[in-house]
Amino acid sequence: MDELITATFFAILAAGFFVGVVVGLTGMGGGALMTPALIFLGVGEAATVVTADLTAAAVYKTGGAVVHHKEGSPNLSLAKWLIIGSVPMALLGPYLVSWFTEPEELDATLKLCIGFALLLAALTYALRLYINLRRVRSGGPTGDENPKVRPVPTLLVGALGGLLVGITSVGSGSVIMIALLMLYPGLSAVRLVGTDLVQAVPLVLAAAISNIALHGLDWGILIPLLIGSVPGTILGSKIAPKVPQSIIRRGIVVVLTMSGVALLDKAGWAPLGAGDDDTHPMLIAAVGVVMVVLVPLIWGLLRRGQGLPMFGAPTVAQLEDPSYRPGIVGMKRDDSPQADRPAP
């Protein structure tokens, strides 16, 4: 017992709690935040961290899926095709990496994969905002409870997501969701989240089983991770209505980008070149500064491309609110009864 309760134990518990709060606040995928946090804490090699994170995710995602299933929100037909594609690839992914990577290069290879996956996760969040912006401006579909399922592309999305999650633990709550949004733009928000949670349970479980069989499971990481993340997620969910989520989510995009670059740097990716677990702190800090400055500017230019002012309504929070239905007068939302009347 004394070997378990160490300074590292409390560091993992704190990281789990903090990430759990953020996940509860925003609903953004825990793997994209937890995996790099544990790697930077130095609690174990990348394979060990990925395995523990996937195992923890299999526990708390099951609870979320049960809640959504009781509410009747998931589209089970859509989830079925995602699962058919994702589970085999989640089982196969870790073995593919081990087959084509020398044992001494495995840690660096996984850090490279996780780094690119984090950059992809950050990009998918930005893409989701842009899709929502275009939907709001065009008056496109705002809710379709039962869209016609497209089996082949849905299965391919599941396969790609399963491969990504099996190798990196990143993607079950970010990459797959944006792919669903692009395939089924009329899928209502509650259906989208419910479907993603239901398909994520067997996906993450399969990925966890495959990684455990290949790398083993470090209980010294898993136990504090669960102890911290579960109450953190509950707390985040309770305080979410009182917290400006749009600012937090934009901050997460910056953190994901910086973490992705830092992991590529630690792995010795040629364009960055540090390697041997070293990084260039000034480079990573510069990436963060550039993101803070450029992201609002780029977002403003995208808004102008849709005929909106660079800043103002619809805000990021409004774009992420499934109940937001703007009546636009000039460039502002009009909530008056006349806004809902059809044009003559």
Protein backbone atom coordinates (compact mmCIF):
# COMPACT_ATOMS: atom_id res chain seq x y z
CA MET A 1 0.00 0.00 0.00
CA ASP A 2 2.85 2.37 0.85
CA GLU A 3 4.29 1.74 -2.61
CA LEU A 4 1.02 2.94 -4.15
CA ILE A 5 0.52 6.11 -2.08
CA THR A 6 3.41 8.23 -3.34
CA ALA A 7 3.96 11.76 -4.63
CA THR A 8 3.34 10.39 -8.13
CA PHE A 9 0.01 8.99 -6.94
CA PHE A 10 -1.18 12.44 -5.86
CA ALA A 11 0.18 14.06 -9.03
CA ILE A 12 -1.84 11.64 -11.18
CA LEU A 13 -4.89 12.12 -8.95
CA ALA A 14 -4.63 15.90 -9.32
CA ALA A 15 -4.18 15.64 -13.10
CA GLY A 16 -7.16 13.29 -13.32
CA PHE A 17 -9.33 15.62 -11.27
CA PHE A 18 -8.35 18.71 -13.29
CA VAL A 19 -8.91 17.02 -16.64
CA GLY A 20 -12.16 15.52 -15.34
CA VAL A 21 -13.42 19.00 -14.43
CA VAL A 22 -12.58 20.30 -17.91
CA VAL A 23 -14.27 17.31 -19.56
CA GLY A 24 -17.35 17.84 -17.40
CA LEU A 25 -17.39 21.54 -18.27
CA THR A 26 -16.95 21.24 -22.00
CA GLY A 27 -17.63 17.64 -23.03
CA MET A 28 -14.37 17.59 -24.98
CA GLY A 29 -12.63 14.22 -25.19
CA GLY A 30 -10.64 13.26 -22.10
CA GLY A 31 -8.00 11.29 -23.99
CA ALA A 32 -6.82 14.37 -25.86
CA LEU A 33 -6.15 16.08 -22.52
CA MET A 34 -5.25 13.25 -20.16
CA THR A 35 -2.71 11.36 -22.25
CA PRO A 36 -0.32 14.30 -22.82
CA ALA A 37 -0.78 15.45 -19.20
CA LEU A 38 0.39 12.07 -17.89
CA ILE A 39 3.27 11.88 -20.37
CA PHE A 40 4.52 15.32 -19.32
CA LEU A 41 4.23 14.28 -15.65
CA GLY A 42 6.72 11.53 -16.48
CA VAL A 43 4.69 8.77 -14.80
CA GLY A 44 5.56 6.17 -17.42
CA GLU A 45 6.31 5.49 -21.06
CA ALA A 46 3.77 6.44 -23.70
CA ALA A 47 2.44 2.88 -24.10
CA THR A 48 1.82 2.58 -20.34
CA VAL A 49 0.04 5.94 -20.22
CA VAL A 50 -2.15 5.18 -23.24
CA THR A 51 -3.20 1.84 -21.73
CA ALA A 52 -4.15 3.34 -18.36
CA ASP A 53 -6.00 6.25 -19.97
CA LEU A 54 -8.01 3.94 -22.23
CA THR A 55 -8.92 1.70 -19.30
CA ALA A 56 -10.10 4.67 -17.23
CA ALA A 57 -12.05 6.02 -20.21
CA ALA A 58 -13.81 2.67 -20.62
CA VAL A 59 -15.13 3.09 -17.07
CA TYR A 60 -16.44 6.66 -17.17
CA LYS A 61 -17.67 6.57 -20.77
CA THR A 62 -19.86 3.58 -19.91
CA GLY A 63 -21.70 5.68 -17.32
CA GLY A 64 -22.29 8.49 -19.80
CA ALA A 65 -23.54 6.07 -22.44
CA VAL A 66 -26.00 4.49 -19.99
CA VAL A 67 -27.47 7.90 -19.16
CA HIS A 68 -27.91 8.81 -22.83
CA HIS A 69 -29.36 5.39 -23.66
CA LYS A 70 -31.97 5.74 -20.91
CA GLU A 71 -32.93 9.12 -22.34
CA GLY A 72 -33.32 7.51 -25.77
CA SER A 73 -30.95 9.95 -27.45
CA PRO A 74 -28.47 7.74 -29.36
CA ASN A 75 -29.09 6.65 -32.93
CA LEU A 76 -28.39 2.93 -32.47
CA SER A 77 -28.38 2.12 -36.18
CA LEU A 78 -25.68 4.72 -36.76
CA ALA A 79 -23.74 3.56 -33.70
CA LYS A 80 -23.88 -0.04 -34.98
CA TRP A 81 -22.03 0.77 -38.20
CA LEU A 82 -19.47 2.85 -36.34
CA ILE A 83 -18.82 -0.04 -33.94
CA ILE A 84 -18.47 -2.56 -36.79
CA GLY A 85 -15.71 -0.39 -38.25
CA SER A 86 -14.02 0.80 -35.05
CA VAL A 87 -13.73 -2.26 -32.79
CA PRO A 88 -11.60 -4.46 -35.12
CA MET A 89 -9.26 -1.56 -35.89
CA ALA A 90 -8.99 -0.60 -32.21
CA LEU A 91 -7.93 -4.19 -31.47
CA LEU A 92 -5.48 -4.23 -34.38
CA GLY A 93 -3.96 -0.73 -34.03
CA PRO A 94 -1.53 -1.34 -31.12
CA TYR A 95 -0.25 -4.52 -32.77
CA LEU A 96 0.36 -2.74 -36.08
CA VAL A 97 2.61 -0.23 -34.31
CA SER A 98 4.50 -2.97 -32.46
CA TRP A 99 4.96 -5.05 -35.63
CA PHE A 100 6.46 -2.19 -37.62
CA THR A 101 8.46 -0.50 -34.83
CA GLU A 102 11.62 -1.62 -33.09
CA PRO A 103 11.07 -2.02 -29.31
CA GLU A 104 13.58 0.71 -28.47
CA GLU A 105 11.79 3.10 -30.85
CA LEU A 106 8.25 2.38 -29.59
CA ASP A 107 8.08 5.22 -27.07
CA ALA A 108 9.25 7.84 -29.57
CA THR A 109 6.91 6.46 -32.26
CA LEU A 110 3.89 6.62 -29.96
CA LYS A 111 4.76 10.17 -28.92
CA LEU A 112 4.88 11.12 -32.59
CA CYS A 113 1.48 9.50 -33.19
CA ILE A 114 -0.05 11.18 -30.13
CA GLY A 115 1.42 14.55 -31.11
CA PHE A 116 -0.16 14.43 -34.56
CA ALA A 117 -3.42 13.14 -33.07
CA LEU A 118 -3.55 16.13 -30.70
CA LEU A 119 -3.06 18.55 -33.58
CA LEU A 120 -5.84 16.75 -35.46
CA ALA A 121 -8.12 17.00 -32.41
CA ALA A 122 -7.49 20.76 -32.19
CA LEU A 123 -8.22 21.11 -35.90
CA THR A 124 -11.46 19.15 -35.68
CA TYR A 125 -12.76 21.45 -32.95
CA ALA A 126 -12.08 24.49 -35.13
CA LEU A 127 -13.70 22.74 -38.09
CA ARG A 128 -16.79 21.95 -36.02
CA LEU A 129 -17.19 25.63 -35.17
CA TYR A 130 -16.89 26.58 -38.84
CA ILE A 131 -19.49 23.98 -39.85
CA ASN A 132 -21.87 25.32 -37.20
CA LEU A 133 -21.24 28.88 -38.42
CA ARG A 134 -22.13 27.94 -41.99
CA ARG A 135 -25.21 26.03 -40.81
CA VAL A 136 -26.48 29.02 -38.82
CA ARG A 137 -25.83 31.46 -41.67
CA SER A 138 -27.37 29.27 -44.37
CA GLY A 139 -30.41 28.23 -42.38
CA GLY A 140 -29.51 24.61 -43.13
CA PRO A 141 -30.82 21.55 -41.31
CA THR A 142 -31.03 22.09 -37.57
CA GLY A 143 -32.31 18.75 -36.38
CA ASP A 144 -33.00 15.34 -37.88
CA GLU A 145 -33.74 12.65 -35.31
CA ASN A 146 -33.33 9.72 -37.71
CA PRO A 147 -31.22 10.53 -40.78
CA LYS A 148 -30.77 7.84 -43.41
CA VAL A 149 -27.65 5.89 -42.43
CA ARG A 150 -24.88 5.65 -45.03
CA PRO A 151 -23.24 2.31 -44.09
CA VAL A 152 -19.98 2.41 -46.06
CA PRO A 153 -18.73 5.92 -45.17
CA THR A 154 -19.94 5.45 -41.59
CA LEU A 155 -18.03 2.17 -41.32
CA LEU A 156 -14.90 3.86 -42.73
CA VAL A 157 -15.20 6.67 -40.18
CA GLY A 158 -15.41 4.05 -37.45
CA ALA A 159 -12.38 2.20 -38.81
CA LEU A 160 -10.23 5.33 -38.96
CA GLY A 161 -11.36 6.44 -35.52
CA GLY A 162 -10.75 2.96 -34.10
CA LEU A 163 -7.21 2.90 -35.47
CA LEU A 164 -6.48 6.36 -34.05
CA VAL A 165 -7.92 5.56 -30.61
CA GLY A 166 -6.26 2.15 -30.42
CA ILE A 167 -2.84 3.66 -31.00
CA THR A 168 -3.08 7.03 -29.22
CA SER A 169 -6.25 7.01 -27.02
CA VAL A 170 -7.17 10.30 -28.77
CA GLY A 171 -10.14 10.72 -31.09
CA SER A 172 -13.20 8.95 -29.68
CA GLY A 173 -14.77 12.23 -28.56
CA SER A 174 -13.36 14.65 -31.12
CA VAL A 175 -12.36 13.22 -34.49
CA ILE A 176 -15.27 10.77 -34.78
CA MET A 177 -17.77 13.43 -33.70
CA ILE A 178 -16.70 15.93 -36.35
CA ALA A 179 -16.82 13.17 -38.99
CA LEU A 180 -20.39 12.38 -37.92
CA LEU A 181 -21.29 16.06 -38.10
CA MET A 182 -19.98 16.22 -41.67
CA LEU A 183 -21.71 12.99 -42.76
CA TYR A 184 -25.02 13.80 -41.02
CA PRO A 185 -25.29 17.61 -40.75
CA GLY A 186 -28.94 17.41 -39.72
CA LEU A 187 -28.33 15.09 -36.76
CA SER A 188 -29.59 16.86 -33.65
CA ALA A 189 -27.00 17.76 -31.01
CA VAL A 190 -28.34 15.42 -28.35
CA ARG A 191 -28.39 12.55 -30.85
CA LEU A 192 -24.85 13.37 -31.94
CA VAL A 193 -23.47 13.28 -28.39
CA GLY A 194 -25.49 10.20 -27.41
CA THR A 195 -24.47 8.26 -30.52
CA ASP A 196 -20.82 9.17 -30.05
CA LEU A 197 -20.89 8.05 -26.40
CA VAL A 198 -22.57 4.72 -27.19
CA GLN A 199 -20.11 3.83 -29.96
CA ALA A 200 -17.18 5.00 -27.84
CA VAL A 201 -17.76 2.40 -25.11
CA PRO A 202 -16.96 -0.76 -27.16
CA LEU A 203 -14.34 1.21 -29.10
CA VAL A 204 -12.43 2.32 -25.99
CA LEU A 205 -12.93 -1.06 -24.31
CA ALA A 206 -11.49 -2.88 -27.34
CA ALA A 207 -8.55 -0.47 -27.48
CA ALA A 208 -7.94 -0.93 -23.74
CA ILE A 209 -8.03 -4.75 -24.00
CA SER A 210 -5.61 -4.75 -26.92
CA ASN A 211 -3.17 -2.42 -25.17
CA ILE A 212 -3.39 -4.35 -21.89
CA ALA A 213 -2.65 -7.62 -23.71
CA LEU A 214 0.34 -6.03 -25.41
CA HIS A 215 1.77 -3.71 -22.73
CA GLY A 216 0.17 -4.75 -19.44
CA LEU A 217 -1.69 -2.43 -17.04
CA ASP A 218 -0.05 -0.18 -14.46
CA TRP A 219 -2.46 -0.06 -11.51
CA GLY A 220 -0.34 2.67 -9.95
CA ILE A 221 -1.51 4.98 -12.75
CA LEU A 222 -5.04 3.65 -13.22
CA ILE A 223 -6.24 3.83 -9.60
CA PRO A 224 -5.41 7.51 -8.91
CA LEU A 225 -6.59 8.36 -12.42
CA LEU A 226 -10.04 6.95 -11.67
CA ILE A 227 -10.15 8.41 -8.16
CA GLY A 228 -9.43 11.87 -9.55
CA SER A 229 -11.26 11.92 -12.87
CA VAL A 230 -14.68 10.61 -11.82
CA PRO A 231 -15.45 13.27 -9.15
CA GLY A 232 -13.80 15.89 -11.36
CA THR A 233 -16.16 15.08 -14.22
CA ILE A 234 -19.17 15.21 -11.90
CA LEU A 235 -18.10 18.59 -10.49
CA GLY A 236 -17.44 19.99 -13.97
CA SER A 237 -20.89 18.91 -15.13
CA LYS A 238 -22.55 20.63 -12.17
CA ILE A 239 -20.78 23.98 -12.58
CA ALA A 240 -20.85 23.99 -16.39
CA PRO A 241 -23.91 26.32 -16.67
CA LYS A 242 -22.09 28.98 -14.63
CA VAL A 243 -18.81 28.95 -16.55
CA PRO A 244 -18.06 30.62 -19.94
CA GLN A 245 -17.38 27.45 -21.88
CA SER A 246 -16.41 29.19 -25.11
CA ILE A 247 -13.33 30.74 -23.50
CA ILE A 248 -12.35 27.43 -21.91
CA ARG A 249 -12.78 25.54 -25.17
CA ARG A 250 -10.68 28.01 -27.11
CA GLY A 251 -8.07 27.70 -24.38
CA ILE A 252 -8.14 23.92 -24.78
CA VAL A 253 -7.46 24.27 -28.51
CA VAL A 254 -4.36 26.32 -27.67
CA VAL A 255 -3.27 23.75 -25.07
CA LEU A 256 -3.83 20.83 -27.47
CA THR A 257 -1.77 22.55 -30.15
CA MET A 258 1.07 23.33 -27.74
CA SER A 259 0.97 19.79 -26.33
CA GLY A 260 1.02 18.29 -29.81
CA VAL A 261 4.05 20.35 -30.82
CA ALA A 262 5.78 19.54 -27.51
CA LEU A 263 5.29 15.79 -28.00
CA LEU A 264 6.58 15.96 -31.56
CA ASP A 265 9.56 17.85 -30.17
CA LYS A 266 10.15 15.26 -27.42
CA ALA A 267 9.99 12.47 -29.98
CA GLY A 268 12.61 14.14 -32.18
CA TRP A 269 10.41 14.89 -35.19
CA ALA A 270 12.85 16.06 -37.84
CA PRO A 271 11.47 19.60 -38.46
CA LEU A 272 11.71 20.31 -34.71
CA GLY A 273 14.64 18.11 -33.88
CA ALA A 274 15.02 17.94 -30.09
CA GLY A 275 14.40 14.26 -29.24
CA ASP A 276 15.65 12.20 -26.29
CA ASP A 277 12.76 13.55 -24.21
CA ASP A 278 14.07 17.10 -24.65
CA THR A 279 12.02 20.03 -25.91
CA HIS A 280 12.58 23.61 -27.02
CA PRO A 281 10.56 25.54 -24.38
CA MET A 282 10.80 28.85 -26.23
CA LEU A 283 9.48 27.25 -29.41
CA ILE A 284 6.48 25.78 -27.59
CA ALA A 285 5.82 29.10 -25.82
CA ALA A 286 6.00 30.87 -29.19
CA VAL A 287 3.43 28.44 -30.61
CA GLY A 288 1.12 29.33 -27.73
CA VAL A 289 1.55 33.07 -28.27
CA VAL A 290 0.97 32.74 -32.01
CA MET A 291 -2.18 30.70 -31.37
CA VAL A 292 -3.54 33.25 -28.89
CA VAL A 293 -2.97 36.07 -31.40
CA LEU A 294 -3.81 34.38 -34.69
CA VAL A 295 -6.79 32.19 -33.80
CA PRO A 296 -9.17 35.14 -33.09
CA LEU A 297 -7.92 36.89 -36.24
CA ILE A 298 -8.43 33.83 -38.46
CA TRP A 299 -11.84 33.22 -36.89
CA GLY A 300 -12.78 36.85 -37.60
CA LEU A 301 -11.76 36.48 -41.26
CA LEU A 302 -13.84 33.30 -41.57
CA ARG A 303 -16.82 35.17 -40.11
CA ARG A 304 -16.35 37.95 -42.66
CA GLY A 305 -16.34 35.32 -45.38
CA GLN A 306 -19.84 34.38 -44.19
CA GLY A 307 -21.04 37.99 -44.29
CA LEU A 308 -20.65 38.65 -40.56
CA PRO A 309 -18.55 41.21 -38.70
CA MET A 310 -15.24 39.91 -37.39
CA PHE A 311 -16.54 39.91 -33.83
CA GLY A 312 -20.01 39.73 -32.31
CA ALA A 313 -23.06 37.52 -32.68
CA PRO A 314 -23.35 34.65 -33.24
CA THR A 315 -20.71 34.05 -30.60
CA VAL A 316 -18.80 30.81 -30.17
CA ALA A 317 -21.11 29.90 -27.28
CA GLN A 318 -24.18 30.50 -29.43
CA LEU A 319 -22.77 28.39 -32.26
CA GLU A 320 -22.27 25.51 -29.83
CA ASP A 321 -25.76 25.87 -28.36
CA PRO A 322 -28.07 23.41 -30.16
CA SER A 323 -31.11 25.53 -29.20
CA TYR A 324 -29.75 28.69 -30.85
CA ARG A 325 -31.98 29.74 -33.74
CA PRO A 326 -31.02 33.23 -34.88
CA GLY A 327 -33.27 35.70 -36.52
CA ILE A 328 -30.73 38.07 -38.02
CA VAL A 329 -31.45 41.78 -38.35
CA GLY A 330 -28.34 43.50 -39.60
CA MET A 331 -25.80 41.33 -37.86
CA LYS A 332 -27.54 40.77 -34.54
CA ARG A 333 -29.88 38.12 -33.24
CA ASP A 334 -33.50 39.25 -33.20
CA ASP A 335 -35.60 37.46 -30.58
CA SER A 336 -38.78 39.31 -31.34
CA PRO A 337 -41.85 37.34 -32.56
CA GLN A 338 -41.53 38.92 -36.00
CA ALA A 339 -38.19 37.14 -36.50
CA ASP A 340 -39.96 33.80 -36.79
CA ARG A 341 -42.55 34.95 -39.35
CA PRO A 342 -42.03 33.75 -42.93
CA ALA A 343 -41.01 36.29 -45.49
CA PRO A 344 -43.88 37.58 -47.67
